[in-house]
Each structure stands twice: as C-alpha cells, then as structure tokens.
C-alpha atoms as a PDB file:
ATOM      1  CA  MET A   1     125.364  96.755 103.052  1.00  0.00           C
ATOM      2  CA  ARG A   2     127.105  99.891 101.860  1.00  0.00           C
ATOM      3  CA  ARG A   3     129.202  97.928  99.374  1.00  0.00           C
ATOM      4  CA  ILE A   4     126.081  96.333  97.917  1.00  0.00           C
ATOM      5  CA  PHE A   5     124.472  99.745  97.503  1.00  0.00           C
ATOM      6  CA  VAL A   6     127.565 101.180  95.809  1.00  0.00           C
ATOM      7  CA  ALA A   7     127.854  98.143  93.521  1.00  0.00           C
ATOM      8  CA  ALA A   8     124.164  98.360  92.572  1.00  0.00           C
ATOM      9  CA  PHE A   9     124.404 102.095  91.940  1.00  0.00           C
ATOM     10  CA  THR A  10     127.506 101.597  89.786  1.00  0.00           C
ATOM     11  CA  ALA A  11     125.779  98.882  87.758  1.00  0.00           C
ATOM     12  CA  VAL A  12     122.703 101.053  87.153  1.00  0.00           C
ATOM     13  CA  PHE A  13     124.875 104.016  86.181  1.00  0.00           C
ATOM     14  CA  ALA A  14     126.838 101.843  83.722  1.00  0.00           C
ATOM     15  CA  VAL A  15     123.632 100.628  82.049  1.00  0.00           C
ATOM     16  CA  VAL A  16     122.199 104.144  81.762  1.00  0.00           C
ATOM     17  CA  PHE A  17     125.486 105.500  80.410  1.00  0.00           C
ATOM     18  CA  ALA A  18     125.740 102.674  77.851  1.00  0.00           C
ATOM     19  CA  GLN A  19     122.208 103.374  76.622  1.00  0.00           C
ATOM     20  CA  ALA A  20     122.914 107.091  76.332  1.00  0.00           C
ATOM     21  CA  ALA A  21     126.127 106.447  74.442  1.00  0.00           C
ATOM     22  CA  SER A  22     124.414 104.099  71.995  1.00  0.00           C
ATOM     23  CA  ALA A  23     121.634 106.629  71.362  1.00  0.00           C
ATOM     24  CA  ALA A  24     123.979 109.559  70.766  1.00  0.00           C
ATOM     25  CA  SER A  25     123.527 109.954  67.019  1.00  0.00           C
ATOM     26  CA  CYS A  26     121.194 111.836  64.714  1.00  0.00           C
ATOM     27  CA  SER A  27     119.996 108.596  63.122  1.00  0.00           C
ATOM     28  CA  SER A  28     119.101 107.039  66.474  1.00  0.00           C
ATOM     29  CA  TRP A  29     117.052 110.119  67.416  1.00  0.00           C
ATOM     30  CA  ARG A  30     115.347 109.955  64.016  1.00  0.00           C
ATOM     31  CA  ALA A  31     114.428 106.323  64.773  1.00  0.00           C
ATOM     32  CA  THR A  32     113.045 107.407  68.147  1.00  0.00           C
ATOM     33  CA  CYS A  33     111.046 110.159  66.433  1.00  0.00           C
ATOM     34  CA  VAL A  34     109.615 107.725  63.863  1.00  0.00           C
ATOM     35  CA  LYS A  35     108.699 105.217  66.583  1.00  0.00           C
ATOM     36  CA  ARG A  36     106.940 107.884  68.625  1.00  0.00           C
ATOM     37  CA  SER A  37     105.192 109.330  65.587  1.00  0.00           C
ATOM     38  CA  THR A  38     103.772 106.025  64.437  1.00  0.00           C
ATOM     39  CA  SER A  39     102.406 105.371  67.914  1.00  0.00           C
ATOM     40  CA  VAL A  40     100.949 108.867  68.441  1.00  0.00           C
ATOM     41  CA  ASN A  41     100.250 110.563  65.117  1.00  0.00           C
ATOM     42  CA  PRO A  42     101.680 109.424  61.767  1.00  0.00           C
ATOM     43  CA  SER A  43     101.348 112.969  60.413  1.00  0.00           C
ATOM     44  CA  TYR A  44     104.468 113.835  62.477  1.00  0.00           C
ATOM     45  CA  LEU A  45     106.666 111.611  60.254  1.00  0.00           C
ATOM     46  CA  PRO A  46     107.744 114.404  57.834  1.00  0.00           C
ATOM     47  CA  GLN A  47     108.916 116.400  60.862  1.00  0.00           C
ATOM     48  CA  CYS A  48     111.243 113.527  61.788  1.00  0.00           C
ATOM     49  CA  ASP A  49     113.003 113.811  58.430  1.00  0.00           C
ATOM     50  CA  ALA A  50     113.285 117.597  58.746  1.00  0.00           C
ATOM     51  CA  LYS A  51     114.711 117.323  62.268  1.00  0.00           C
ATOM     52  CA  PHE A  52     117.122 114.615  61.111  1.00  0.00           C
ATOM     53  CA  ASN A  53     118.408 116.796  58.257  1.00  0.00           C
ATOM     54  CA  ALA A  54     118.864 119.716  60.658  1.00  0.00           C
ATOM     55  CA  CYS A  55     120.718 117.420  63.064  1.00  0.00           C
ATOM     56  CA  LEU A  56     123.126 116.328  60.345  1.00  0.00           C
ATOM     57  CA  SER A  57     124.302 119.930  60.026  1.00  0.00           C
ATOM     58  CA  SER A  58     124.057 121.081  63.657  1.00  0.00           C
ATOM     59  CA  GLY A  59     124.546 117.951  65.754  1.00  0.00           C
ATOM     60  CA  CYS A  60     121.384 118.799  67.706  1.00  0.00           C
ATOM     61  CA  PHE A  61     118.028 117.008  67.560  1.00  0.00           C
ATOM     62  CA  ALA A  62     115.073 118.909  69.008  1.00  0.00           C
ATOM     63  CA  GLU A  63     112.144 116.821  70.182  1.00  0.00           C
ATOM     64  CA  GLY A  64     108.670 118.034  69.348  1.00  0.00           C
ATOM     65  CA  ALA A  65     106.581 119.865  71.923  1.00  0.00           C
ATOM     66  CA  THR A  66     104.398 116.769  72.224  1.00  0.00           C
ATOM     67  CA  PHE A  67     107.384 114.916  73.674  1.00  0.00           C
ATOM     68  CA  GLY A  68     108.774 117.643  75.933  1.00  0.00           C
ATOM     69  CA  GLY A  69     110.646 119.820  73.422  1.00  0.00           C
ATOM     70  CA  ALA A  70     114.117 118.945  74.729  1.00  0.00           C
ATOM     71  CA  ALA A  71     117.164 119.593  72.534  1.00  0.00           C
ATOM     72  CA  HIS A  72     119.813 116.874  72.427  1.00  0.00           C
ATOM     73  CA  CYS A  73     123.147 118.269  71.250  1.00  0.00           C
ATOM     74  CA  GLY A  74     126.617 116.887  70.680  1.00  0.00           C
ATOM     75  CA  LEU A  75     125.233 113.994  68.663  1.00  0.00           C
ATOM     76  CA  THR A  76     127.211 112.037  66.112  1.00  0.00           C
ATOM     77  CA  LYS A  77     126.256 113.300  62.667  1.00  0.00           C
ATOM     78  CA  LYS A  78     125.323 109.987  61.090  1.00  0.00           C
END
C-alpha cells in the first residue's frame, strides 16, 4: 500500500513539475493573461502586453489583482 502511495505521489509531482517547467516563460504567461482577459474583461488585454514587455526585461510576470496579484520570477525571457 505504501509503495502505491509513493508511486502515485511521484507521478503527480512529475506532472505538476512538467507543467510548471513548460509554463516558465514570459510568452506563456502572456498567453495565460490573454486567455484570462478574454474570459473576464477584454479591456485587460493592453495590460497583458505591458506586463509581457516588463517580463522581457526583468524575468518576472506579475498577475493582476483580479487574479491574485502573484509575481512569477525566474522566467525565460522569450
């Protein structure tokens, strides 16, 4: 039973880590911003471009307050 739990936990961790690694770029956060903006309020779209441009120089993408306001740093500048 313990082995099954450890194997399941390892599999879940690997999936979460793979998703985080694939989303670790400025352009992927811009895509997330655009997707959220079109579903919530299209007037946020210009903010996505501004945040993307800031990310290209700093490596950090700050989410809007509407989405929690978290800053994601150490992103690939692409």
